[in-house]
N, C-alpha and C. Protein backbone atom coordinates (compact mmCIF):
# COMPACT_ATOMS: atom_id res chain seq x y z
N UNK A 1 -12.78 -28.33 -10.63
CA UNK A 1 -11.58 -28.19 -9.80
C UNK A 1 -11.70 -26.94 -8.93
N UNK A 2 -11.50 -27.10 -7.62
CA UNK A 2 -11.70 -25.98 -6.71
C UNK A 2 -10.53 -25.00 -6.75
N UNK A 3 -10.82 -23.76 -6.37
CA UNK A 3 -9.80 -22.72 -6.29
C UNK A 3 -9.05 -22.88 -4.97
N UNK A 4 -7.73 -22.97 -5.03
CA UNK A 4 -6.91 -23.16 -3.83
C UNK A 4 -6.56 -21.80 -3.22
N UNK A 5 -6.96 -21.61 -1.97
CA UNK A 5 -6.77 -20.33 -1.29
C UNK A 5 -5.92 -20.51 -0.04
N UNK A 6 -5.08 -19.54 0.22
CA UNK A 6 -4.33 -19.48 1.48
C UNK A 6 -4.76 -18.24 2.24
N UNK A 7 -4.92 -18.36 3.55
CA UNK A 7 -5.33 -17.25 4.41
C UNK A 7 -4.15 -16.77 5.24
N UNK A 8 -3.89 -15.46 5.23
CA UNK A 8 -2.86 -14.87 6.07
C UNK A 8 -3.49 -13.78 6.92
N UNK A 9 -3.72 -14.09 8.19
CA UNK A 9 -4.38 -13.16 9.11
C UNK A 9 -4.00 -13.60 10.52
N UNK A 10 -3.67 -12.64 11.39
CA UNK A 10 -3.23 -13.02 12.73
C UNK A 10 -4.38 -13.31 13.70
N UNK A 11 -5.62 -13.19 13.25
CA UNK A 11 -6.77 -13.49 14.10
C UNK A 11 -7.35 -14.86 13.73
N UNK A 12 -7.26 -15.80 14.67
CA UNK A 12 -7.70 -17.17 14.41
C UNK A 12 -9.19 -17.23 14.10
N UNK A 13 -9.99 -16.49 14.85
CA UNK A 13 -11.44 -16.51 14.63
C UNK A 13 -11.79 -15.97 13.25
N UNK A 14 -11.06 -14.96 12.82
CA UNK A 14 -11.30 -14.40 11.49
C UNK A 14 -10.98 -15.45 10.42
N UNK A 15 -9.87 -16.14 10.58
CA UNK A 15 -9.51 -17.18 9.60
C UNK A 15 -10.54 -18.30 9.57
N UNK A 16 -10.99 -18.71 10.75
CA UNK A 16 -11.99 -19.79 10.82
C UNK A 16 -13.28 -19.38 10.14
N UNK A 17 -13.71 -18.12 10.37
CA UNK A 17 -14.94 -17.63 9.77
C UNK A 17 -14.84 -17.56 8.25
N UNK A 18 -13.71 -17.05 7.76
CA UNK A 18 -13.51 -16.94 6.31
C UNK A 18 -13.44 -18.33 5.68
N UNK A 19 -12.74 -19.24 6.34
CA UNK A 19 -12.63 -20.61 5.82
C UNK A 19 -14.02 -21.23 5.64
N UNK A 20 -14.88 -21.10 6.65
CA UNK A 20 -16.22 -21.67 6.58
C UNK A 20 -17.03 -21.04 5.45
N UNK A 21 -16.92 -19.73 5.30
CA UNK A 21 -17.64 -19.03 4.24
C UNK A 21 -17.19 -19.50 2.85
N UNK A 22 -15.87 -19.60 2.68
CA UNK A 22 -15.33 -19.94 1.38
C UNK A 22 -15.59 -21.39 0.98
N UNK A 23 -15.54 -22.30 1.96
CA UNK A 23 -15.64 -23.72 1.64
C UNK A 23 -17.07 -24.24 1.64
N UNK A 24 -18.04 -23.37 1.88
CA UNK A 24 -19.43 -23.79 2.04
C UNK A 24 -19.97 -24.51 0.81
N UNK A 25 -19.70 -23.96 -0.40
CA UNK A 25 -20.31 -24.55 -1.60
C UNK A 25 -19.36 -25.46 -2.38
N UNK A 26 -18.16 -25.69 -1.88
CA UNK A 26 -17.26 -26.66 -2.48
C UNK A 26 -16.44 -26.19 -3.68
N UNK A 27 -16.58 -24.92 -4.06
CA UNK A 27 -15.83 -24.43 -5.22
C UNK A 27 -14.48 -23.84 -4.83
N UNK A 28 -14.30 -23.61 -3.54
CA UNK A 28 -13.06 -23.02 -3.03
C UNK A 28 -12.55 -23.87 -1.86
N UNK A 29 -11.26 -24.12 -1.82
CA UNK A 29 -10.70 -24.86 -0.68
C UNK A 29 -9.55 -24.06 -0.08
N UNK A 30 -9.53 -23.98 1.24
CA UNK A 30 -8.45 -23.30 1.95
C UNK A 30 -7.38 -24.33 2.25
N UNK A 31 -6.22 -24.18 1.63
CA UNK A 31 -5.18 -25.21 1.74
C UNK A 31 -4.10 -24.88 2.75
N UNK A 32 -4.07 -23.62 3.24
CA UNK A 32 -3.04 -23.24 4.22
C UNK A 32 -3.44 -21.96 4.92
N UNK A 33 -2.89 -21.77 6.12
CA UNK A 33 -3.14 -20.56 6.90
C UNK A 33 -1.84 -20.09 7.53
N UNK A 34 -1.73 -18.77 7.70
CA UNK A 34 -0.55 -18.18 8.36
C UNK A 34 -1.03 -17.07 9.29
N UNK A 35 -0.35 -16.92 10.42
CA UNK A 35 -0.77 -15.87 11.36
C UNK A 35 0.20 -14.71 11.45
N UNK A 36 1.24 -14.72 10.59
CA UNK A 36 2.12 -13.55 10.48
C UNK A 36 2.78 -13.56 9.11
N UNK A 37 3.44 -12.46 8.77
CA UNK A 37 3.99 -12.31 7.44
C UNK A 37 5.11 -13.27 7.10
N UNK A 38 5.99 -13.55 8.07
CA UNK A 38 7.10 -14.48 7.82
C UNK A 38 6.57 -15.88 7.56
N UNK A 39 5.63 -16.31 8.39
CA UNK A 39 5.02 -17.62 8.21
C UNK A 39 4.32 -17.70 6.85
N UNK A 40 3.70 -16.59 6.46
CA UNK A 40 3.01 -16.53 5.17
C UNK A 40 4.00 -16.78 4.03
N UNK A 41 5.15 -16.13 4.06
CA UNK A 41 6.14 -16.30 3.00
C UNK A 41 6.66 -17.73 2.96
N UNK A 42 6.89 -18.32 4.13
CA UNK A 42 7.38 -19.70 4.19
C UNK A 42 6.36 -20.67 3.59
N UNK A 43 5.07 -20.47 3.94
CA UNK A 43 4.02 -21.35 3.45
C UNK A 43 3.83 -21.21 1.94
N UNK A 44 3.91 -19.98 1.45
CA UNK A 44 3.70 -19.74 0.02
C UNK A 44 4.64 -20.56 -0.85
N UNK A 45 5.87 -20.70 -0.40
CA UNK A 45 6.89 -21.39 -1.18
C UNK A 45 6.70 -22.90 -1.20
N UNK A 46 5.82 -23.40 -0.30
CA UNK A 46 5.64 -24.86 -0.23
C UNK A 46 4.25 -25.33 -0.67
N UNK A 47 3.22 -24.50 -0.47
CA UNK A 47 1.85 -24.98 -0.77
C UNK A 47 1.31 -24.51 -2.12
N UNK A 48 1.84 -23.43 -2.67
CA UNK A 48 1.47 -22.93 -4.00
C UNK A 48 -0.04 -22.74 -4.20
N UNK A 49 -0.65 -21.81 -3.46
CA UNK A 49 -2.08 -21.54 -3.65
C UNK A 49 -2.34 -20.75 -4.93
N UNK A 50 -3.58 -20.78 -5.39
CA UNK A 50 -3.96 -19.93 -6.53
C UNK A 50 -4.08 -18.48 -6.08
N UNK A 51 -4.68 -18.30 -4.89
CA UNK A 51 -4.95 -16.96 -4.36
C UNK A 51 -4.54 -16.87 -2.90
N UNK A 52 -3.91 -15.77 -2.55
CA UNK A 52 -3.57 -15.46 -1.16
C UNK A 52 -4.50 -14.37 -0.67
N UNK A 53 -5.26 -14.67 0.39
CA UNK A 53 -6.07 -13.64 1.05
C UNK A 53 -5.20 -13.04 2.15
N UNK A 54 -4.84 -11.79 1.97
CA UNK A 54 -3.79 -11.17 2.78
C UNK A 54 -4.31 -10.01 3.63
N UNK A 55 -4.09 -10.10 4.94
CA UNK A 55 -4.43 -9.01 5.85
C UNK A 55 -3.29 -7.99 5.86
N UNK A 56 -3.63 -6.72 6.08
CA UNK A 56 -2.59 -5.68 6.14
C UNK A 56 -1.86 -5.71 7.46
N UNK A 57 -2.60 -5.72 8.57
CA UNK A 57 -2.00 -5.65 9.89
C UNK A 57 -1.67 -7.03 10.43
N UNK A 58 -0.41 -7.44 10.30
CA UNK A 58 0.06 -8.70 10.85
C UNK A 58 1.38 -8.47 11.55
N UNK A 59 1.68 -9.27 12.58
CA UNK A 59 2.96 -9.12 13.27
C UNK A 59 4.12 -9.66 12.45
N UNK A 60 5.32 -9.31 12.88
CA UNK A 60 6.60 -9.76 12.31
C UNK A 60 6.85 -9.13 10.93
N UNK A 61 5.92 -9.34 10.01
CA UNK A 61 5.99 -8.73 8.68
C UNK A 61 4.56 -8.40 8.27
N UNK A 62 4.27 -7.13 8.01
CA UNK A 62 2.88 -6.77 7.70
C UNK A 62 2.52 -7.10 6.25
N UNK A 63 1.25 -6.92 5.92
CA UNK A 63 0.76 -7.30 4.60
C UNK A 63 1.41 -6.57 3.45
N UNK A 64 1.68 -5.29 3.63
CA UNK A 64 2.34 -4.51 2.57
C UNK A 64 3.75 -5.05 2.33
N UNK A 65 4.45 -5.39 3.40
CA UNK A 65 5.80 -5.94 3.27
C UNK A 65 5.76 -7.32 2.60
N UNK A 66 4.76 -8.11 2.94
CA UNK A 66 4.59 -9.42 2.30
C UNK A 66 4.35 -9.23 0.81
N UNK A 67 3.48 -8.30 0.48
CA UNK A 67 3.16 -8.01 -0.93
C UNK A 67 4.42 -7.60 -1.69
N UNK A 68 5.22 -6.75 -1.08
CA UNK A 68 6.47 -6.31 -1.71
C UNK A 68 7.43 -7.49 -1.91
N UNK A 69 7.50 -8.36 -0.91
CA UNK A 69 8.41 -9.50 -0.98
C UNK A 69 7.96 -10.50 -2.05
N UNK A 70 6.67 -10.70 -2.16
CA UNK A 70 6.13 -11.61 -3.19
C UNK A 70 6.50 -11.10 -4.58
N UNK A 71 6.34 -9.79 -4.80
CA UNK A 71 6.68 -9.21 -6.10
C UNK A 71 8.18 -9.27 -6.36
N UNK A 72 8.95 -9.02 -5.29
CA UNK A 72 10.41 -9.05 -5.42
C UNK A 72 10.90 -10.44 -5.81
N UNK A 73 10.31 -11.48 -5.20
CA UNK A 73 10.71 -12.85 -5.46
C UNK A 73 10.00 -13.45 -6.67
N UNK A 74 9.08 -12.66 -7.24
CA UNK A 74 8.35 -13.10 -8.43
C UNK A 74 7.60 -14.42 -8.20
N UNK A 75 6.95 -14.51 -7.03
CA UNK A 75 6.17 -15.71 -6.69
C UNK A 75 4.84 -15.67 -7.43
N UNK A 76 4.50 -16.78 -8.05
CA UNK A 76 3.28 -16.84 -8.87
C UNK A 76 2.07 -17.12 -8.00
N UNK A 77 1.40 -16.08 -7.55
CA UNK A 77 0.16 -16.19 -6.77
C UNK A 77 -0.63 -14.90 -6.94
N UNK A 78 -1.93 -15.02 -7.03
CA UNK A 78 -2.78 -13.84 -7.10
C UNK A 78 -3.09 -13.40 -5.67
N UNK A 79 -3.14 -12.09 -5.46
CA UNK A 79 -3.25 -11.57 -4.09
C UNK A 79 -4.49 -10.71 -3.94
N UNK A 80 -5.32 -11.10 -2.95
CA UNK A 80 -6.50 -10.33 -2.59
C UNK A 80 -6.31 -9.81 -1.17
N UNK A 81 -6.18 -8.50 -1.04
CA UNK A 81 -6.06 -7.89 0.29
C UNK A 81 -7.46 -7.82 0.90
N UNK A 82 -7.56 -8.36 2.10
CA UNK A 82 -8.82 -8.37 2.85
C UNK A 82 -8.54 -7.70 4.19
N UNK A 83 -9.07 -6.49 4.38
CA UNK A 83 -8.61 -5.67 5.51
C UNK A 83 -9.71 -4.82 6.12
N UNK A 84 -9.44 -4.29 7.30
CA UNK A 84 -10.36 -3.34 7.94
C UNK A 84 -10.05 -1.92 7.50
N UNK A 85 -8.94 -1.74 6.80
CA UNK A 85 -8.51 -0.39 6.40
C UNK A 85 -9.24 0.09 5.15
N UNK A 86 -10.01 1.17 5.29
CA UNK A 86 -10.63 1.76 4.10
C UNK A 86 -9.92 3.05 3.69
N UNK A 87 -8.79 3.36 4.37
CA UNK A 87 -8.02 4.54 4.00
C UNK A 87 -7.44 4.35 2.60
N UNK A 88 -7.61 5.33 1.75
CA UNK A 88 -7.21 5.19 0.36
C UNK A 88 -5.70 5.05 0.20
N UNK A 89 -4.91 5.54 1.16
CA UNK A 89 -3.46 5.43 1.05
C UNK A 89 -3.00 3.97 1.08
N UNK A 90 -3.67 3.14 1.92
CA UNK A 90 -3.34 1.71 1.95
C UNK A 90 -3.67 1.09 0.60
N UNK A 91 -4.83 1.45 0.06
CA UNK A 91 -5.26 0.92 -1.23
C UNK A 91 -4.29 1.34 -2.33
N UNK A 92 -3.92 2.61 -2.34
CA UNK A 92 -2.98 3.11 -3.35
C UNK A 92 -1.64 2.38 -3.28
N UNK A 93 -1.17 2.17 -2.07
CA UNK A 93 0.11 1.47 -1.89
C UNK A 93 0.02 0.06 -2.45
N UNK A 94 -1.08 -0.63 -2.13
CA UNK A 94 -1.27 -2.00 -2.61
C UNK A 94 -1.38 -2.04 -4.13
N UNK A 95 -2.12 -1.09 -4.69
CA UNK A 95 -2.28 -1.02 -6.15
C UNK A 95 -0.94 -0.75 -6.81
N UNK A 96 -0.16 0.16 -6.25
CA UNK A 96 1.15 0.49 -6.80
C UNK A 96 2.07 -0.74 -6.84
N UNK A 97 2.02 -1.55 -5.80
CA UNK A 97 2.89 -2.72 -5.72
C UNK A 97 2.42 -3.80 -6.70
N UNK A 98 1.10 -3.87 -6.90
CA UNK A 98 0.58 -4.84 -7.86
C UNK A 98 -0.39 -5.84 -7.29
N UNK A 99 -1.30 -5.40 -6.42
CA UNK A 99 -2.30 -6.30 -5.85
C UNK A 99 -3.36 -6.62 -6.90
N UNK A 100 -3.97 -7.80 -6.78
CA UNK A 100 -5.01 -8.21 -7.73
C UNK A 100 -6.41 -7.82 -7.27
N UNK A 101 -6.58 -7.64 -5.97
CA UNK A 101 -7.89 -7.26 -5.45
C UNK A 101 -7.78 -6.67 -4.07
N UNK A 102 -8.80 -5.90 -3.68
CA UNK A 102 -8.78 -5.20 -2.38
C UNK A 102 -10.21 -5.04 -1.91
N UNK A 103 -10.57 -5.71 -0.82
CA UNK A 103 -11.92 -5.54 -0.27
C UNK A 103 -11.86 -5.48 1.25
N UNK A 104 -12.94 -4.98 1.84
CA UNK A 104 -13.03 -4.81 3.28
C UNK A 104 -13.50 -6.10 3.96
N UNK A 105 -13.11 -6.27 5.22
CA UNK A 105 -13.51 -7.46 5.96
C UNK A 105 -15.00 -7.48 6.28
N UNK A 106 -15.66 -6.31 6.18
CA UNK A 106 -17.10 -6.29 6.45
C UNK A 106 -17.91 -6.52 5.18
N UNK A 107 -17.25 -6.90 4.09
CA UNK A 107 -17.95 -7.18 2.83
C UNK A 107 -18.82 -8.43 2.99
N UNK A 108 -19.87 -8.53 2.19
CA UNK A 108 -20.71 -9.72 2.19
C UNK A 108 -19.92 -10.91 1.66
N UNK A 109 -20.29 -12.11 2.10
CA UNK A 109 -19.59 -13.32 1.65
C UNK A 109 -19.70 -13.48 0.13
N UNK A 110 -20.83 -13.07 -0.42
CA UNK A 110 -21.02 -13.17 -1.88
C UNK A 110 -20.02 -12.28 -2.61
N UNK A 111 -19.72 -11.11 -2.03
CA UNK A 111 -18.76 -10.21 -2.67
C UNK A 111 -17.35 -10.77 -2.58
N UNK A 112 -17.03 -11.39 -1.46
CA UNK A 112 -15.71 -12.00 -1.30
C UNK A 112 -15.51 -13.09 -2.35
N UNK A 113 -16.51 -13.93 -2.54
CA UNK A 113 -16.42 -15.00 -3.54
C UNK A 113 -16.36 -14.42 -4.95
N UNK A 114 -17.11 -13.35 -5.17
CA UNK A 114 -17.08 -12.69 -6.48
C UNK A 114 -15.68 -12.17 -6.77
N UNK A 115 -15.05 -11.57 -5.76
CA UNK A 115 -13.70 -11.03 -5.91
C UNK A 115 -12.72 -12.15 -6.25
N UNK A 116 -12.84 -13.27 -5.56
CA UNK A 116 -11.95 -14.40 -5.81
C UNK A 116 -12.12 -14.92 -7.23
N UNK A 117 -13.35 -15.07 -7.68
CA UNK A 117 -13.61 -15.57 -9.03
C UNK A 117 -13.14 -14.60 -10.11
N UNK A 118 -13.32 -13.30 -9.87
CA UNK A 118 -12.84 -12.29 -10.82
C UNK A 118 -11.34 -12.36 -10.96
N UNK A 119 -10.66 -12.46 -9.83
CA UNK A 119 -9.20 -12.52 -9.83
C UNK A 119 -8.70 -13.77 -10.55
N UNK A 120 -9.38 -14.88 -10.34
CA UNK A 120 -8.99 -16.12 -11.00
C UNK A 120 -9.13 -16.02 -12.52
N UNK A 121 -10.02 -15.15 -12.97
CA UNK A 121 -10.23 -14.94 -14.40
C UNK A 121 -9.30 -13.89 -14.98
N UNK A 122 -8.36 -13.42 -14.15
CA UNK A 122 -7.37 -12.47 -14.61
C UNK A 122 -7.78 -11.02 -14.49
N UNK A 123 -8.88 -10.76 -13.80
CA UNK A 123 -9.35 -9.38 -13.62
C UNK A 123 -8.85 -8.83 -12.28
N UNK A 124 -8.91 -7.52 -12.15
CA UNK A 124 -8.62 -6.86 -10.88
C UNK A 124 -9.94 -6.50 -10.22
N UNK A 125 -10.05 -6.75 -8.91
CA UNK A 125 -11.31 -6.45 -8.22
C UNK A 125 -11.05 -5.49 -7.06
N UNK A 126 -11.63 -4.31 -7.15
CA UNK A 126 -11.61 -3.34 -6.05
C UNK A 126 -13.05 -3.18 -5.57
N UNK A 127 -13.27 -3.31 -4.28
CA UNK A 127 -14.62 -3.17 -3.75
C UNK A 127 -15.25 -1.87 -4.25
N UNK A 128 -16.43 -1.95 -4.86
CA UNK A 128 -17.04 -0.77 -5.50
C UNK A 128 -17.12 0.47 -4.62
N UNK A 129 -17.37 0.29 -3.32
CA UNK A 129 -17.49 1.44 -2.43
C UNK A 129 -16.17 2.19 -2.27
N UNK A 130 -15.05 1.55 -2.60
CA UNK A 130 -13.74 2.18 -2.47
C UNK A 130 -13.29 2.90 -3.74
N UNK A 131 -13.95 2.60 -4.86
CA UNK A 131 -13.53 3.12 -6.15
C UNK A 131 -13.57 4.65 -6.25
N UNK A 132 -14.67 5.32 -5.80
CA UNK A 132 -14.69 6.80 -5.91
C UNK A 132 -13.52 7.46 -5.20
N UNK A 133 -13.19 7.00 -3.98
CA UNK A 133 -12.08 7.58 -3.23
C UNK A 133 -10.76 7.31 -3.94
N UNK A 134 -10.62 6.12 -4.53
CA UNK A 134 -9.40 5.78 -5.26
C UNK A 134 -9.24 6.68 -6.48
N UNK A 135 -10.30 6.84 -7.24
CA UNK A 135 -10.25 7.68 -8.44
C UNK A 135 -9.90 9.12 -8.09
N UNK A 136 -10.52 9.62 -7.01
CA UNK A 136 -10.26 10.99 -6.57
C UNK A 136 -8.79 11.16 -6.17
N UNK A 137 -8.26 10.15 -5.47
CA UNK A 137 -6.86 10.24 -5.03
C UNK A 137 -5.90 10.12 -6.21
N UNK A 138 -6.26 9.32 -7.20
CA UNK A 138 -5.40 9.18 -8.38
C UNK A 138 -5.31 10.50 -9.13
N UNK A 139 -6.44 11.20 -9.24
CA UNK A 139 -6.45 12.52 -9.88
C UNK A 139 -5.57 13.48 -9.11
N UNK A 140 -5.72 13.43 -7.77
CA UNK A 140 -4.92 14.30 -6.91
C UNK A 140 -3.44 13.98 -7.04
N UNK A 141 -3.13 12.69 -7.17
CA UNK A 141 -1.73 12.28 -7.27
C UNK A 141 -1.12 12.73 -8.60
N UNK A 142 -1.93 12.74 -9.65
CA UNK A 142 -1.44 13.25 -10.94
C UNK A 142 -1.02 14.71 -10.81
N UNK A 143 -1.84 15.47 -10.05
CA UNK A 143 -1.51 16.88 -9.81
C UNK A 143 -0.22 16.98 -8.99
N UNK A 144 -0.09 16.10 -7.98
CA UNK A 144 1.12 16.08 -7.15
C UNK A 144 2.35 15.78 -8.00
N UNK A 145 2.22 14.85 -8.95
CA UNK A 145 3.36 14.50 -9.80
C UNK A 145 3.83 15.71 -10.60
N UNK A 146 2.86 16.50 -11.08
CA UNK A 146 3.21 17.71 -11.82
C UNK A 146 3.99 18.67 -10.92
N UNK A 147 3.55 18.77 -9.68
CA UNK A 147 4.24 19.65 -8.73
C UNK A 147 5.64 19.15 -8.44
N UNK A 148 5.77 17.84 -8.23
CA UNK A 148 7.08 17.25 -7.96
C UNK A 148 8.02 17.47 -9.14
N UNK A 149 7.49 17.27 -10.34
CA UNK A 149 8.31 17.44 -11.55
C UNK A 149 8.75 18.89 -11.76
N UNK A 150 8.02 19.83 -11.14
CA UNK A 150 8.38 21.24 -11.28
C UNK A 150 9.56 21.63 -10.39
N UNK A 151 9.87 20.77 -9.41
CA UNK A 151 10.97 21.06 -8.49
C UNK A 151 12.32 20.67 -9.11
N UNK A 152 13.31 21.49 -8.84
CA UNK A 152 14.67 21.15 -9.27
C UNK A 152 15.22 20.06 -8.35
N UNK A 153 16.33 19.46 -8.76
CA UNK A 153 16.97 18.42 -7.94
C UNK A 153 17.34 18.98 -6.57
N UNK A 154 17.86 20.19 -6.53
CA UNK A 154 18.24 20.79 -5.26
C UNK A 154 17.02 21.09 -4.40
N UNK A 155 15.94 21.55 -5.02
CA UNK A 155 14.72 21.83 -4.27
C UNK A 155 14.15 20.55 -3.67
N UNK A 156 14.23 19.46 -4.38
CA UNK A 156 13.79 18.17 -3.84
C UNK A 156 14.63 17.78 -2.63
N UNK A 157 15.92 17.99 -2.72
CA UNK A 157 16.81 17.68 -1.60
C UNK A 157 16.45 18.52 -0.38
N UNK A 158 16.18 19.80 -0.60
CA UNK A 158 15.80 20.69 0.51
C UNK A 158 14.45 20.26 1.10
N UNK A 159 13.49 19.93 0.23
CA UNK A 159 12.16 19.50 0.70
C UNK A 159 12.26 18.26 1.56
N UNK A 160 13.08 17.31 1.16
CA UNK A 160 13.26 16.07 1.93
C UNK A 160 13.86 16.38 3.30
N UNK A 161 14.80 17.30 3.35
CA UNK A 161 15.40 17.68 4.64
C UNK A 161 14.39 18.40 5.53
N UNK A 162 13.56 19.21 4.92
CA UNK A 162 12.48 19.88 5.68
C UNK A 162 11.55 18.82 6.28
N UNK A 163 11.19 17.83 5.47
CA UNK A 163 10.30 16.77 5.93
C UNK A 163 10.95 15.93 7.03
N UNK A 164 12.26 15.87 7.02
CA UNK A 164 12.99 15.15 8.07
C UNK A 164 13.15 15.97 9.34
N UNK A 165 12.58 17.18 9.35
CA UNK A 165 12.58 18.01 10.55
C UNK A 165 13.81 18.86 10.75
N UNK A 166 14.62 19.05 9.72
CA UNK A 166 15.84 19.84 9.86
C UNK A 166 15.56 21.33 9.73
N UNK A 167 16.31 22.12 10.50
CA UNK A 167 16.21 23.58 10.42
C UNK A 167 17.06 24.09 9.26
N UNK A 168 16.85 25.36 8.90
CA UNK A 168 17.57 25.93 7.76
C UNK A 168 19.09 25.82 7.90
N UNK A 169 19.58 26.10 9.11
CA UNK A 169 21.02 26.04 9.33
C UNK A 169 21.54 24.62 9.12
N UNK A 170 20.78 23.63 9.61
CA UNK A 170 21.18 22.22 9.47
C UNK A 170 21.14 21.79 8.00
N UNK A 171 20.13 22.27 7.28
CA UNK A 171 20.01 21.96 5.86
C UNK A 171 21.20 22.55 5.09
N UNK A 172 21.52 23.78 5.45
CA UNK A 172 22.65 24.46 4.79
C UNK A 172 23.94 23.67 4.98
N UNK A 173 24.17 23.20 6.21
CA UNK A 173 25.38 22.42 6.50
C UNK A 173 25.35 21.08 5.76
N UNK A 174 24.19 20.43 5.78
CA UNK A 174 24.06 19.12 5.14
C UNK A 174 24.29 19.18 3.64
N UNK A 175 23.78 20.24 2.99
CA UNK A 175 23.87 20.35 1.53
C UNK A 175 25.02 21.24 1.07
N UNK A 176 25.74 21.75 2.06
CA UNK A 176 26.91 22.60 1.77
C UNK A 176 26.52 23.84 0.93
N UNK A 177 25.46 24.51 1.38
CA UNK A 177 25.01 25.76 0.77
C UNK A 177 24.74 26.76 1.87
N UNK A 178 24.50 28.02 1.53
CA UNK A 178 24.27 29.04 2.54
C UNK A 178 22.82 29.00 3.05
N UNK A 179 22.63 29.56 4.25
CA UNK A 179 21.28 29.63 4.81
C UNK A 179 20.36 30.47 3.92
N UNK A 180 20.89 31.54 3.35
CA UNK A 180 20.11 32.40 2.47
C UNK A 180 19.60 31.59 1.26
N UNK A 181 20.49 30.74 0.73
CA UNK A 181 20.10 29.89 -0.41
C UNK A 181 19.01 28.91 0.00
N UNK A 182 19.13 28.36 1.20
CA UNK A 182 18.10 27.44 1.71
C UNK A 182 16.75 28.15 1.79
N UNK A 183 16.78 29.37 2.33
CA UNK A 183 15.53 30.15 2.45
C UNK A 183 14.91 30.40 1.08
N UNK A 184 15.74 30.72 0.11
CA UNK A 184 15.24 30.96 -1.25
C UNK A 184 14.62 29.69 -1.83
N UNK A 185 15.30 28.57 -1.62
CA UNK A 185 14.77 27.29 -2.12
C UNK A 185 13.43 26.97 -1.47
N UNK A 186 13.34 27.17 -0.16
CA UNK A 186 12.09 26.87 0.55
C UNK A 186 10.95 27.75 0.06
N UNK A 187 11.24 29.02 -0.17
CA UNK A 187 10.23 29.92 -0.71
C UNK A 187 9.73 29.43 -2.07
N UNK A 188 10.65 29.01 -2.92
CA UNK A 188 10.27 28.50 -4.24
C UNK A 188 9.48 27.20 -4.13
N UNK A 189 9.89 26.34 -3.19
CA UNK A 189 9.20 25.07 -2.98
C UNK A 189 7.75 25.30 -2.58
N UNK A 190 7.56 26.21 -1.61
CA UNK A 190 6.21 26.51 -1.13
C UNK A 190 5.30 26.94 -2.29
N UNK A 191 5.82 27.77 -3.16
CA UNK A 191 5.04 28.27 -4.30
C UNK A 191 4.72 27.13 -5.27
N UNK A 192 5.71 26.30 -5.55
CA UNK A 192 5.54 25.25 -6.57
C UNK A 192 4.59 24.14 -6.11
N UNK A 193 4.62 23.79 -4.83
CA UNK A 193 3.74 22.70 -4.36
C UNK A 193 2.50 23.23 -3.66
N UNK A 194 2.36 24.56 -3.65
CA UNK A 194 1.15 25.21 -3.15
C UNK A 194 0.88 24.92 -1.68
N UNK A 195 1.90 25.18 -0.84
CA UNK A 195 1.74 25.08 0.61
C UNK A 195 2.20 26.39 1.24
N UNK A 196 1.86 26.57 2.51
CA UNK A 196 2.18 27.84 3.15
C UNK A 196 3.13 27.71 4.35
N UNK A 197 3.45 26.48 4.76
CA UNK A 197 4.37 26.33 5.88
C UNK A 197 5.13 25.00 5.80
N UNK A 198 6.06 24.82 6.70
CA UNK A 198 6.95 23.65 6.68
C UNK A 198 6.19 22.36 6.97
N UNK A 199 5.20 22.45 7.85
CA UNK A 199 4.42 21.25 8.18
C UNK A 199 3.69 20.73 6.96
N UNK A 200 3.04 21.63 6.21
CA UNK A 200 2.33 21.23 5.00
C UNK A 200 3.31 20.66 3.97
N UNK A 201 4.49 21.25 3.90
CA UNK A 201 5.51 20.75 2.96
C UNK A 201 5.95 19.34 3.35
N UNK A 202 6.11 19.11 4.66
CA UNK A 202 6.50 17.78 5.14
C UNK A 202 5.42 16.75 4.83
N UNK A 203 4.17 17.11 5.04
CA UNK A 203 3.05 16.21 4.74
C UNK A 203 3.04 15.86 3.25
N UNK A 204 3.27 16.86 2.41
CA UNK A 204 3.33 16.65 0.96
C UNK A 204 4.43 15.64 0.62
N UNK A 205 5.59 15.79 1.23
CA UNK A 205 6.72 14.90 0.96
C UNK A 205 6.43 13.47 1.40
N UNK A 206 5.82 13.33 2.57
CA UNK A 206 5.51 12.00 3.11
C UNK A 206 4.43 11.33 2.27
N UNK A 207 3.39 12.09 1.93
CA UNK A 207 2.26 11.54 1.15
C UNK A 207 2.72 11.05 -0.20
N UNK A 208 3.74 11.69 -0.74
CA UNK A 208 4.21 11.32 -2.08
C UNK A 208 5.47 10.44 -2.05
N UNK A 209 5.71 9.82 -0.88
CA UNK A 209 6.80 8.85 -0.74
C UNK A 209 8.16 9.43 -1.06
N UNK A 210 8.35 10.72 -0.81
CA UNK A 210 9.68 11.30 -1.00
C UNK A 210 10.61 10.93 0.14
N UNK A 211 10.01 10.62 1.29
CA UNK A 211 10.78 10.07 2.40
C UNK A 211 9.98 8.90 2.95
N UNK A 212 10.63 8.06 3.75
CA UNK A 212 9.98 6.90 4.34
C UNK A 212 9.73 7.17 5.82
N UNK A 213 8.57 6.67 6.30
CA UNK A 213 8.24 6.83 7.71
C UNK A 213 8.85 5.75 8.57
N UNK A 214 9.44 4.73 7.94
CA UNK A 214 9.98 3.61 8.73
C UNK A 214 11.25 3.12 8.08
């Protein structure tokens, strides 16, 4: 019995190429295709594939949003992200949400099929070349968690306002505290998260999902 796969990618040529690669030996069949995130969600509810090959960059609803929606709706499908993005932040986001696999579009066809078969067996597959960067970032994130946990509730509120681009006076008004208190909090924040200026503090907040970019 062949593995039923759905392709979600906004590039027609990419979908055609992947389809030919996957269906060559008859063990995998592509049963549906979508060229944007909304279409992907609609198709998923009607075709019920075993595995969804999901691109990150798609119009209307991107791959990360699709992944979040699938988990929210508790749709039973295994998800393999197939993308041009090798940035570890995309990988971390996908792993956090609960992706089953993550490989690059320039991977060999044999590796793509290996990833699909691993996922079907209940394993998680991360392209080996991405693993060192992932492990390094996970260690770094553990350190970041310790730093975040060292902040008081008020310091977290001040840090988020700093990351939102607010000045001390605006933060004081927003949180109903004095400017002097804001300055003291910011000084403590810088020490606890090991940064030296507001820009670095904002980057720290964004990287650790303390605020949203969208």
